[in-house]
Protein backbone atom coordinates (compact mmCIF):
# COMPACT_ATOMS: atom_id res chain seq x y z
CA MET A 1 0.37 -0.23 0.17
CA THR A 2 2.66 2.02 0.79
CA GLU A 3 4.26 1.83 -2.75
CA VAL A 4 1.84 2.19 -4.43
CA LEU A 5 0.71 5.33 -2.11
CA GLU A 6 4.08 6.90 -3.19
CA GLY A 7 2.92 6.26 -6.67
CA PHE A 8 0.33 8.37 -6.81
CA ARG A 9 2.17 10.39 -5.06
CA THR A 10 4.68 10.84 -8.37
CA VAL A 11 1.95 10.17 -10.46
CA LEU A 12 0.20 13.55 -9.44
CA SER A 13 3.45 15.75 -8.77
CA GLY A 14 5.41 17.91 -10.82
CA ALA A 15 4.91 18.66 -14.27
CA TYR A 16 2.03 15.53 -15.47
CA PRO A 17 -0.72 17.03 -13.53
CA ARG A 18 -0.43 20.04 -16.46
CA LEU A 19 0.33 17.18 -19.02
CA LEU A 20 -3.25 15.95 -17.29
CA LEU A 21 -5.07 19.32 -17.97
CA SER A 22 -3.57 19.75 -21.24
CA GLY A 23 -4.76 16.82 -21.88
CA LEU A 24 -7.91 16.93 -20.87
CA GLY A 25 -8.38 20.24 -22.36
CA LEU A 26 -8.03 18.58 -26.21
CA THR A 27 -10.18 16.28 -24.85
CA LEU A 28 -12.77 18.31 -23.65
CA ALA A 29 -11.52 20.12 -27.58
CA VAL A 30 -12.42 17.44 -29.80
CA SER A 31 -15.27 15.92 -27.99
CA VAL A 32 -17.22 19.37 -28.99
CA CYS A 33 -16.37 20.14 -32.20
CA ALA A 34 -16.89 16.17 -33.40
CA LEU A 35 -20.56 16.50 -31.06
CA LEU A 36 -20.87 19.72 -33.71
CA VAL A 37 -20.95 18.25 -36.08
CA SER A 38 -22.44 15.04 -35.78
CA VAL A 39 -25.37 17.12 -34.54
CA LEU A 40 -25.40 19.01 -38.18
CA VAL A 41 -24.33 15.77 -40.05
CA GLY A 42 -26.48 13.08 -37.99
CA THR A 43 -30.19 16.04 -38.24
CA VAL A 44 -29.61 16.43 -41.98
CA LEU A 45 -29.49 13.36 -41.92
CA GLY A 46 -32.22 11.48 -39.65
CA ALA A 47 -34.58 14.90 -41.33
CA ALA A 48 -34.33 13.34 -44.81
CA ARG A 49 -34.61 9.71 -43.62
CA VAL A 50 -38.31 11.36 -41.72
CA LEU A 51 -39.38 13.51 -45.27
CA ARG A 52 -38.02 10.52 -46.77
CA VAL A 53 -36.07 12.44 -49.35
CA PRO A 54 -35.17 11.20 -52.91
CA VAL A 55 -31.73 9.64 -53.39
CA LEU A 56 -30.87 11.52 -49.98
CA GLY A 57 -32.89 9.32 -47.51
CA ARG A 58 -31.86 6.32 -49.28
CA LEU A 59 -27.75 8.43 -48.87
CA GLY A 60 -28.55 8.56 -45.59
CA ASP A 61 -29.72 4.73 -44.66
CA ALA A 62 -27.06 3.51 -46.83
CA TYR A 63 -24.01 5.39 -44.42
CA VAL A 64 -25.74 4.40 -41.46
CA THR A 65 -25.84 1.55 -42.13
CA VAL A 66 -21.67 1.45 -43.56
CA VAL A 67 -20.55 3.94 -40.58
CA ARG A 68 -21.93 1.67 -38.03
CA GLY A 69 -20.70 -1.75 -39.24
CA ILE A 70 -17.29 -0.09 -38.78
CA PRO A 71 -14.87 -0.31 -35.45
CA LEU A 72 -13.93 3.38 -34.60
CA ILE A 73 -10.45 3.42 -34.20
CA VAL A 74 -10.92 1.77 -38.03
CA LEU A 75 -12.36 5.32 -39.31
CA LEU A 76 -10.05 7.42 -37.74
CA SER A 77 -7.25 5.92 -39.18
CA VAL A 78 -8.57 6.04 -42.46
CA VAL A 79 -8.95 9.91 -42.40
CA TYR A 80 -5.86 10.11 -40.87
CA TYR A 81 -3.74 7.73 -42.78
CA GLY A 82 -5.37 7.09 -45.64
CA LEU A 83 -6.91 9.59 -46.93
CA PRO A 84 -3.24 11.24 -47.53
CA THR A 85 -3.38 8.06 -50.22
CA LEU A 86 -5.84 10.76 -52.23
CA GLY A 87 -4.21 13.85 -52.33
CA VAL A 88 -5.70 15.18 -48.56
CA THR A 89 -3.74 15.73 -45.61
CA LEU A 90 -5.55 16.31 -42.16
CA PRO A 91 -3.26 17.51 -39.03
CA ASP A 92 -4.64 15.52 -35.85
CA PHE A 93 -6.83 17.48 -34.60
CA PRO A 94 -8.80 18.16 -37.61
CA ALA A 95 -8.69 14.11 -38.64
CA ALA A 96 -9.65 13.29 -35.29
CA VAL A 97 -12.95 15.66 -35.12
CA LEU A 98 -13.67 14.81 -38.65
CA ALA A 99 -13.40 11.11 -37.77
CA LEU A 100 -15.38 11.43 -34.56
CA GLY A 101 -18.31 13.74 -36.01
CA LEU A 102 -19.09 11.76 -39.12
CA TYR A 103 -19.07 8.33 -36.59
CA SER A 104 -20.93 9.87 -34.44
CA ALA A 105 -23.29 11.17 -36.83
CA ALA A 106 -24.42 7.90 -37.86
CA TYR A 107 -26.13 7.71 -34.31
CA THR A 108 -27.21 10.80 -33.73
CA SER A 109 -29.15 10.56 -36.64
CA GLU A 110 -30.98 7.47 -35.43
CA ILE A 111 -31.75 10.04 -32.60
CA VAL A 112 -33.17 12.65 -34.92
CA ARG A 113 -35.58 9.80 -36.08
CA GLY A 114 -36.69 9.03 -33.25
CA GLY A 115 -37.05 12.30 -31.47
CA MET A 116 -38.97 13.85 -34.92
CA GLY A 117 -41.67 10.24 -34.14
CA SER A 118 -42.25 11.34 -31.40
CA VAL A 119 -43.98 14.89 -32.47
CA PRO A 120 -47.63 15.41 -33.18
CA ALA A 121 -48.34 15.06 -37.40
CA GLY A 122 -51.18 17.93 -35.87
CA GLN A 123 -47.75 20.45 -35.36
CA ALA A 124 -46.34 19.95 -38.71
CA GLU A 125 -49.94 19.89 -40.48
CA ALA A 126 -51.09 23.30 -38.22
CA ALA A 127 -48.10 24.87 -39.17
CA ARG A 128 -48.65 24.63 -42.98
CA SER A 129 -51.73 25.48 -42.09
CA LEU A 130 -50.52 28.80 -41.10
CA GLY A 131 -48.45 29.29 -44.07
CA LEU A 132 -45.46 28.14 -43.42
CA SER A 133 -43.52 25.93 -45.73
CA ARG A 134 -42.20 21.96 -45.15
CA ILE A 135 -39.14 23.53 -44.44
CA GLN A 136 -40.11 26.15 -41.79
CA ALA A 137 -42.05 23.67 -39.97
CA LEU A 138 -39.65 21.34 -40.10
CA ARG A 139 -36.95 23.91 -38.54
CA PHE A 140 -39.50 26.15 -36.27
CA VAL A 141 -41.83 23.59 -35.22
CA VAL A 142 -41.35 19.86 -34.87
CA LEU A 143 -36.83 20.11 -34.73
CA PRO A 144 -37.26 21.74 -31.35
CA GLN A 145 -39.44 19.98 -30.20
CA ALA A 146 -37.64 16.00 -31.59
CA TRP A 147 -34.44 18.06 -29.79
CA ARG A 148 -35.93 18.41 -26.63
CA VAL A 149 -37.43 14.57 -26.57
CA ALA A 150 -33.58 13.45 -27.86
CA LEU A 151 -31.74 15.27 -25.23
CA PRO A 152 -31.67 12.52 -22.90
CA ALA A 153 -29.71 10.21 -25.96
CA LEU A 154 -28.05 12.79 -27.61
CA GLY A 155 -26.47 13.29 -23.54
CA ASN A 156 -25.32 9.86 -23.79
CA GLU A 157 -24.00 10.54 -27.56
CA PHE A 158 -21.81 12.93 -26.15
CA ILE A 159 -19.98 11.01 -23.45
CA SER A 160 -19.49 8.05 -26.06
CA LEU A 161 -17.56 11.11 -27.59
CA ILE A 162 -15.43 11.75 -24.81
CA LEU A 163 -14.21 8.12 -24.27
CA GLY A 164 -14.61 7.26 -27.92
CA SER A 165 -12.04 10.37 -28.39
CA SER A 166 -9.03 8.41 -25.70
CA LEU A 167 -8.69 7.06 -29.03
CA ALA A 168 -7.97 9.70 -31.37
CA SER A 169 -4.52 8.78 -29.51
CA ALA A 170 -4.07 6.15 -32.61
CA VAL A 171 -3.94 9.70 -35.25
CA THR A 172 -1.54 11.25 -33.32
CA LEU A 173 -3.10 13.66 -31.39
CA GLN A 174 -2.18 14.12 -27.35
CA GLU A 175 -5.47 13.89 -25.53
CA LEU A 176 -6.13 12.46 -21.94
CA PHE A 177 -5.37 8.87 -23.13
CA SER A 178 -2.56 9.87 -24.84
CA GLN A 179 -0.64 12.14 -21.87
CA GLY A 180 -1.60 8.83 -19.32
CA ARG A 181 0.58 6.80 -21.68
CA TYR A 182 3.54 9.47 -21.73
CA ILE A 183 3.51 9.70 -18.01
CA THR A 184 2.85 5.51 -17.36
CA ASN A 185 6.18 5.54 -19.75
CA ALA A 186 8.00 7.76 -17.53
CA THR A 187 7.04 6.91 -14.16
CA TYR A 188 6.50 2.42 -14.80
CA ARG A 189 3.65 3.12 -12.94
CA GLN A 190 0.78 1.60 -14.56
CA PHE A 191 -1.78 1.21 -11.86
CA GLU A 192 -2.00 4.41 -10.45
CA VAL A 193 -1.84 6.55 -14.25
CA TYR A 194 -4.91 4.36 -15.04
CA ALA A 195 -6.04 4.21 -12.28
CA VAL A 196 -6.44 8.18 -11.95
CA LEU A 197 -7.47 8.64 -15.81
CA ALA A 198 -11.02 6.96 -14.83
CA LEU A 199 -11.77 8.95 -12.93
CA VAL A 200 -11.40 11.65 -14.34
CA TYR A 201 -13.14 9.99 -17.07
CA PHE A 202 -15.37 9.04 -15.05
CA LEU A 203 -16.37 12.57 -12.47
CA LEU A 204 -16.56 14.14 -16.38
CA THR A 205 -19.18 11.66 -17.50
CA PHE A 206 -21.18 11.88 -14.50
CA ALA A 207 -21.04 15.57 -14.66
CA LEU A 208 -22.44 15.85 -18.15
CA SER A 209 -24.96 13.35 -16.71
CA GLY A 210 -26.29 15.46 -14.81
CA LEU A 211 -26.19 17.85 -16.93
CA VAL A 212 -27.88 16.78 -18.83
CA ARG A 213 -30.41 15.55 -16.75
CA TRP A 214 -30.92 19.08 -14.93
CA LEU A 215 -31.14 20.53 -18.83
CA GLU A 216 -33.93 17.81 -19.91
CA SER A 217 -35.49 18.42 -16.32
CA ARG A 218 -35.76 22.08 -16.57
CA LEU A 219 -37.51 21.64 -20.95
CA SER A 220 -39.84 19.57 -20.47
CA ARG A 221 -41.36 20.86 -16.96
CA GLY A 222 -45.65 21.31 -18.17
CA VAL A 223 -44.91 19.34 -21.64
CA THR A 224 -46.72 16.53 -22.46
CA LEU A 225 -47.07 15.28 -26.13
CA PRO A 226 -49.70 12.93 -27.41
CA GLU A 227 -48.91 9.29 -28.94
CA ARG A 228 -49.84 10.13 -32.14
CA ARG A 229 -46.90 9.40 -34.54
CA VAL A 230 -44.97 12.00 -37.05
CA ILE A 231 -44.74 8.78 -38.90
């Protein structure tokens, strides 16, 4: 036990805490940016699939099927190591954001599709009767309600992105897990380093889960949705 405590003191002293903090900041940055890509692409694909937009809807179905069948580490490798053979070279941060965002977009598309399915059909019909176009009804009426319903699932997807960002070390990104491996190689304290990493990831995801529950509670006050569906 004394040796373990000494190991924790070693890991949490000197320059190592600063390395962990810088890695944590990079983990949050890549996760947030990837979430923005995921939400943008996933919303477009999800809406196209619900509305059965010609070509785009079929492409969305194919995209979700293909991406959900590929391991994230493979997609990261394709973007960072494979695209240069096609003349497209991305630095580690944009490559990680693009791969994580596109991978998550397949799942966000399903979240959006389910959220839109929870909105009563009369909402869109009422919006159209008031003179809104199909796109305007989708943007101002259907999607805001769909996102409120989809918030818990979107929060879970963000947590998955944070945890999945640990694989970005495969493309040389110096995020939290990568910094932990560096400290492990420098100190030979595998147990202590990975225990600290596990605690940091847990606290981060636990805080995010609490924030999502709070937002869900605030947004759902006085809201009840009928069982009629858009699709």
